[in-house]
């Protein structure tokens, strides 16, 4: 019998500016996998000259965002004054903590270019002791991310440790995040690296613990169970593996805010309405609060 307890299908979400994502977490069936409370897969989408795949300045509290591109580019700017072009293979970790504001826009150098944006954005809930941590942004370039060949598979250890490799990305709680490439006919056994684990099939179906997992599904396995993966089809498969310890307490999520306390989300909403969380230097736009307000 399959070790996968559930297969989660992404729901289309329009973030504005023609930027649509497939949202796997949170889902009705499952709020989180370890500390990962939010999982968006965007693209592949062709960006033409004149397109504006921009996300205007918006706030976060109580979480850390993790942005990873397979292709394309984005320009990150935040209220700390950080400006960073996000490129394929790098890990971009932004701790919101007590509050940060950021935008993600088309790089000016690509204004007249045609390119393909494709990637994953995750949110992790910060541990209770760090929900109000100082905000920060850390870019780890692709060249610094360890990569290992295991049989015919290629594994990039984006966060955490696996197969004798440890990522340089610092986190506030134990977790694992892997980018796995399986050639046609290849297989890979991954031990139970964390209490809770899941596999996302980016582009092709795979076999997971004897069960077929269709393309673009998030398969959550039983707690403490290892992963037996294979790509038996006609195409190679790319997979993202996430995992970590179960959340230390329930979290409330509304819009871009995450907290263990409802009153903290209410305060964040008031602060954003008053433009008191922060401003991104050089930006004059911002995304307003949703019309449907948070109900404590």
Protein backbone atom coordinates (compact mmCIF):
# COMPACT_ATOMS: atom_id res chain seq x y z
CA UNK A 1 0.00 0.00 0.00
CA UNK A 2 1.20 3.52 -0.71
CA UNK A 3 2.97 5.53 1.96
CA UNK A 4 1.36 8.67 0.61
CA UNK A 5 -1.46 9.68 2.93
CA UNK A 6 -2.80 12.29 0.55
CA UNK A 7 -2.21 13.86 -2.85
CA UNK A 8 -2.78 17.61 -2.90
CA UNK A 9 -3.64 19.36 -6.15
CA UNK A 10 -2.72 22.99 -6.68
CA UNK A 11 -5.42 25.65 -6.86
CA UNK A 12 -4.96 28.51 -9.35
CA UNK A 13 -4.46 31.88 -7.66
CA UNK A 14 -4.13 35.20 -9.46
CA UNK A 15 -1.63 37.46 -7.68
CA UNK A 16 -2.27 40.37 -10.05
CA UNK A 17 -0.35 41.68 -13.02
CA UNK A 18 -1.00 38.46 -14.91
CA UNK A 19 0.97 36.51 -12.29
CA UNK A 20 -0.86 33.22 -11.63
CA UNK A 21 0.37 30.42 -9.37
CA UNK A 22 -0.65 26.88 -8.40
CA UNK A 23 -1.09 26.84 -4.61
CA UNK A 24 -0.56 23.47 -2.93
CA UNK A 25 -0.39 24.65 0.69
CA UNK A 26 -2.36 25.55 2.67
CA UNK A 27 -5.07 23.11 1.61
CA UNK A 28 -8.37 22.05 3.09
CA UNK A 29 -6.89 18.62 3.81
CA UNK A 30 -3.56 19.85 5.16
CA UNK A 31 -2.35 23.17 6.53
CA UNK A 32 1.36 22.42 6.69
CA UNK A 33 4.20 19.95 6.18
CA UNK A 34 6.66 20.55 8.99
CA UNK A 35 7.16 24.33 9.15
CA UNK A 36 6.15 24.76 5.49
CA UNK A 37 2.75 26.44 5.55
CA UNK A 38 2.62 27.77 2.00
CA UNK A 39 3.66 26.22 -1.33
CA UNK A 40 3.28 28.05 -4.65
CA UNK A 41 4.45 26.73 -8.03
CA UNK A 42 4.53 29.39 -10.74
CA UNK A 43 5.16 28.94 -14.45
CA UNK A 44 6.65 28.02 -16.73
CA UNK A 45 5.32 31.25 -18.22
CA UNK A 46 6.83 33.17 -21.12
CA UNK A 47 7.44 36.83 -20.30
CA UNK A 48 7.38 39.05 -23.39
CA UNK A 49 8.69 42.60 -23.83
CA UNK A 50 6.02 44.89 -22.43
CA UNK A 51 4.66 42.33 -19.96
CA UNK A 52 4.63 43.35 -16.29
CA UNK A 53 4.94 40.22 -14.14
CA UNK A 54 5.36 42.42 -11.07
CA UNK A 55 4.22 41.93 -7.48
CA UNK A 56 3.92 45.38 -5.90
CA UNK A 57 5.15 46.11 -2.35
CA UNK A 58 3.31 44.10 0.28
CA UNK A 59 3.98 43.18 3.93
CA UNK A 60 4.65 39.99 5.87
CA UNK A 61 4.90 39.07 9.55
CA UNK A 62 5.65 35.85 11.45
CA UNK A 63 7.11 33.86 8.56
CA UNK A 64 10.10 33.37 6.28
CA UNK A 65 9.76 33.23 2.50
CA UNK A 66 11.92 30.93 0.38
CA UNK A 67 12.17 31.73 -3.33
CA UNK A 68 13.76 29.31 -5.83
CA UNK A 69 13.81 29.64 -9.61
CA UNK A 70 14.24 26.94 -12.24
CA UNK A 71 14.45 29.61 -14.94
CA UNK A 72 13.95 33.33 -15.40
CA UNK A 73 14.73 36.21 -13.07
CA UNK A 74 13.10 38.54 -10.53
CA UNK A 75 14.27 41.69 -8.80
CA UNK A 76 13.75 41.66 -5.03
CA UNK A 77 13.56 44.93 -3.12
CA UNK A 78 12.59 45.29 0.53
CA UNK A 79 12.10 47.78 3.34
CA UNK A 80 15.56 46.97 4.73
CA UNK A 81 17.06 48.43 1.57
CA UNK A 82 18.08 45.06 0.14
CA UNK A 83 18.12 44.87 -3.66
CA UNK A 84 18.85 41.45 -5.16
CA UNK A 85 18.31 39.91 -8.56
CA UNK A 86 16.95 36.41 -8.01
CA UNK A 87 18.31 33.92 -10.54
CA UNK A 88 17.94 30.16 -11.12
CA UNK A 89 19.45 27.81 -8.56
CA UNK A 90 19.90 30.34 -5.76
CA UNK A 91 18.06 30.29 -2.43
CA UNK A 92 16.58 33.56 -1.27
CA UNK A 93 15.50 33.48 2.37
CA UNK A 94 13.57 36.44 3.76
CA UNK A 95 12.71 36.49 7.46
CA UNK A 96 9.67 38.68 8.04
CA UNK A 97 9.59 38.38 11.83
CA UNK A 98 8.00 41.50 13.33
CA UNK A 99 7.45 42.93 9.86
CA UNK A 100 8.96 43.50 6.42
CA UNK A 101 7.74 44.90 3.10
CA UNK A 102 9.03 43.73 -0.28
CA UNK A 103 8.34 43.79 -4.00
CA UNK A 104 9.20 41.36 -6.80
CA UNK A 105 9.53 42.91 -10.24
CA UNK A 106 10.87 42.32 -13.71
CA UNK A 107 14.60 43.19 -13.79
CA UNK A 108 15.23 46.35 -15.80
CA UNK A 109 17.98 44.63 -17.79
CA UNK A 110 15.34 42.21 -19.15
CA UNK A 111 12.79 44.89 -20.09
CA UNK A 112 13.24 44.21 -23.81
CA UNK A 113 13.86 40.47 -23.52
CA UNK A 114 11.72 37.36 -23.81
CA UNK A 115 12.34 34.81 -21.07
CA UNK A 116 10.58 32.08 -19.09
CA UNK A 117 9.80 32.46 -15.39
CA UNK A 118 9.44 29.18 -13.52
CA UNK A 119 9.92 28.44 -9.85
CA UNK A 120 8.69 27.70 -6.35
CA UNK A 121 7.92 30.03 -3.47
CA UNK A 122 7.48 28.65 0.03
CA UNK A 123 6.61 30.17 3.37
CA UNK A 124 7.79 28.67 6.63
CA UNK A 125 6.21 29.55 9.96
CA UNK A 126 8.80 30.97 12.33
CA UNK A 127 9.10 29.15 15.68
CA UNK A 128 7.08 30.71 18.51
CA UNK A 129 10.23 32.10 20.11
CA UNK A 130 11.15 33.88 16.85
CA UNK A 131 7.80 35.11 15.54
CA UNK A 132 8.87 38.69 16.33
CA UNK A 133 12.48 38.28 15.15
CA UNK A 134 14.25 41.13 13.41
CA UNK A 135 13.54 41.03 9.67
CA UNK A 136 16.36 40.04 7.31
CA UNK A 137 17.10 38.93 3.76
CA UNK A 138 19.85 36.47 2.79
CA UNK A 139 20.77 35.47 -0.76
CA UNK A 140 22.71 32.21 -1.20
CA UNK A 141 24.02 31.94 -4.80
CA UNK A 142 23.53 28.80 -6.84
CA UNK A 143 27.26 28.00 -6.76
CA UNK A 144 27.12 27.73 -2.94
CA UNK A 145 24.32 25.14 -2.90
CA UNK A 146 25.73 21.59 -2.53
CA UNK A 147 24.89 19.05 -5.21
CA UNK A 148 25.44 15.30 -5.10
CA UNK A 149 24.89 12.43 -7.52
CA UNK A 150 23.16 9.44 -5.96
CA UNK A 151 23.11 6.64 -8.50
CA UNK A 152 21.63 8.26 -11.60
CA UNK A 153 19.80 10.94 -9.61
CA UNK A 154 21.07 14.46 -8.99
CA UNK A 155 20.17 16.03 -5.64
CA UNK A 156 20.65 19.68 -4.72
CA UNK A 157 20.49 20.21 -0.96
CA UNK A 158 18.79 23.59 -0.83
CA UNK A 159 18.13 23.63 2.92
CA UNK A 160 19.16 21.19 5.65
CA UNK A 161 21.23 18.04 5.24
CA UNK A 162 20.99 14.95 3.02
CA UNK A 163 23.35 12.39 1.48
CA UNK A 164 26.35 13.74 3.38
CA UNK A 165 25.80 17.32 2.20
CA UNK A 166 24.68 20.32 4.25
CA UNK A 167 23.28 23.55 2.85
CA UNK A 168 24.82 26.83 4.02
CA UNK A 169 21.33 28.37 4.32
CA UNK A 170 20.65 29.20 7.98
CA UNK A 171 17.15 28.62 9.36
CA UNK A 172 15.46 29.15 12.71
CA UNK A 173 14.13 25.58 12.95
CA UNK A 174 15.26 22.22 11.52
CA UNK A 175 13.96 21.53 8.01
CA UNK A 176 14.90 20.00 4.68
CA UNK A 177 14.34 21.18 1.11
CA UNK A 178 15.72 19.22 -1.85
CA UNK A 179 15.67 19.64 -5.63
CA UNK A 180 15.83 16.15 -7.18
CA UNK A 181 16.31 15.30 -10.85
CA UNK A 182 15.48 11.72 -11.82
CA UNK A 183 16.40 10.56 -15.35
CA UNK A 184 14.00 8.17 -17.08
CA UNK A 185 14.16 4.78 -15.39
CA UNK A 186 16.15 6.07 -12.42
CA UNK A 187 15.27 5.52 -8.78
CA UNK A 188 16.25 7.13 -5.49
CA UNK A 189 15.73 6.16 -1.86
CA UNK A 190 15.58 9.06 0.59
CA UNK A 191 15.61 8.22 4.30
CA UNK A 192 13.14 9.80 6.70
CA UNK A 193 15.04 13.07 7.05
CA UNK A 194 12.30 14.73 9.10
CA UNK A 195 9.18 13.97 11.12
CA UNK A 196 6.90 15.21 8.32
CA UNK A 197 7.81 14.99 4.63
CA UNK A 198 6.23 15.52 1.23
CA UNK A 199 7.21 15.27 -2.45
CA UNK A 200 6.11 17.65 -5.19
CA UNK A 201 6.18 16.46 -8.80
CA UNK A 202 7.20 19.51 -10.82
CA UNK A 203 6.80 18.19 -14.35
CA UNK A 204 6.25 14.40 -14.62
CA UNK A 205 4.56 11.55 -12.74
CA UNK A 206 6.68 9.38 -10.45
CA UNK A 207 6.36 6.27 -8.37
CA UNK A 208 6.46 7.00 -4.63
CA UNK A 209 6.48 4.07 -2.22
CA UNK A 210 4.71 1.92 -4.81
CA UNK A 211 2.07 4.51 -5.68
CA UNK A 212 1.80 6.65 -8.83
CA UNK A 213 1.86 10.37 -8.12
CA UNK A 214 0.68 12.48 -11.05
CA UNK A 215 2.41 15.60 -12.29
CA UNK A 216 2.12 18.77 -10.19
CA UNK A 217 0.80 17.05 -7.09
CA UNK A 218 2.11 17.31 -3.53
CA UNK A 219 2.23 13.84 -1.97
CA UNK A 220 2.43 13.78 1.82
CA UNK A 221 3.77 10.55 3.31
CA UNK A 222 3.12 8.97 6.68
CA UNK A 223 5.09 10.40 9.56
CA UNK A 224 8.63 9.02 9.76
CA UNK A 225 8.35 7.06 6.49
CA UNK A 226 11.25 7.03 3.99
CA UNK A 227 10.76 7.89 0.33
CA UNK A 228 11.26 5.32 -2.43
CA UNK A 229 11.15 7.24 -5.70
CA UNK A 230 11.40 6.18 -9.33
CA UNK A 231 10.74 7.71 -12.75
CA UNK A 232 9.31 4.80 -14.76
CA UNK A 233 7.70 6.86 -17.52
CA UNK A 234 9.05 8.15 -20.80
CA UNK A 235 10.23 11.46 -19.35
CA UNK A 236 12.71 12.46 -16.69
CA UNK A 237 11.19 13.86 -13.50
CA UNK A 238 11.99 16.84 -11.33
CA UNK A 239 10.89 16.70 -7.71
CA UNK A 240 10.95 19.00 -4.73
CA UNK A 241 11.15 17.38 -1.30
CA UNK A 242 10.14 19.34 1.80
CA UNK A 243 10.07 18.34 5.44
CA UNK A 244 10.61 19.25 9.06
CA UNK A 245 9.33 18.92 12.59
CA UNK A 246 5.61 19.46 13.11
CA UNK A 247 4.56 23.02 13.95
CA UNK A 248 5.11 23.92 17.59
CA UNK A 249 1.62 25.47 17.79
CA UNK A 250 -1.31 26.18 15.45
CA UNK A 251 -0.93 29.19 13.17
CA UNK A 252 -3.45 31.71 11.91
CA UNK A 253 -2.97 32.85 8.31
CA UNK A 254 -4.65 35.81 6.68
CA UNK A 255 -3.45 37.47 3.51
CA UNK A 256 0.34 37.83 3.93
CA UNK A 257 0.33 37.56 7.71
CA UNK A 258 1.06 34.52 9.89
CA UNK A 259 0.91 34.37 13.68
CA UNK A 260 0.06 32.13 16.60
CA UNK A 261 -2.08 35.03 17.90
CA UNK A 262 -5.13 36.43 16.12
CA UNK A 263 -4.67 39.84 17.73
CA UNK A 264 -1.21 40.10 16.14
CA UNK A 265 -2.74 39.72 12.68
CA UNK A 266 -5.29 42.42 13.51
CA UNK A 267 -2.43 44.74 14.54
CA UNK A 268 -0.47 43.96 11.37
CA UNK A 269 -3.50 44.83 9.25
CA UNK A 270 -3.93 48.15 11.06
CA UNK A 271 -0.21 48.88 10.72
CA UNK A 272 -0.25 48.21 6.97
CA UNK A 273 -3.31 50.38 6.48
CA UNK A 274 -1.39 53.18 8.22
CA UNK A 275 1.74 52.37 6.16
CA UNK A 276 3.59 51.80 9.45
CA UNK A 277 5.30 48.46 8.73
CA UNK A 278 7.87 49.93 6.37
CA UNK A 279 8.48 51.24 2.88
CA UNK A 280 10.58 49.92 0.04
CA UNK A 281 13.04 52.61 -1.08
CA UNK A 282 12.23 53.80 -4.60
CA UNK A 283 8.73 52.28 -4.62
CA UNK A 284 5.61 54.45 -4.68
CA UNK A 285 2.99 51.69 -5.08
CA UNK A 286 1.69 49.17 -2.58
CA UNK A 287 -0.94 46.44 -2.45
CA UNK A 288 -3.90 47.44 -0.24
CA UNK A 289 -5.51 45.14 2.29
CA UNK A 290 -8.12 42.73 0.89
CA UNK A 291 -11.69 44.01 1.00
CA UNK A 292 -12.67 40.98 3.04
CA UNK A 293 -11.05 41.74 6.37
CA UNK A 294 -9.69 39.33 8.96
CA UNK A 295 -12.28 38.15 11.45
CA UNK A 296 -10.67 37.23 14.82
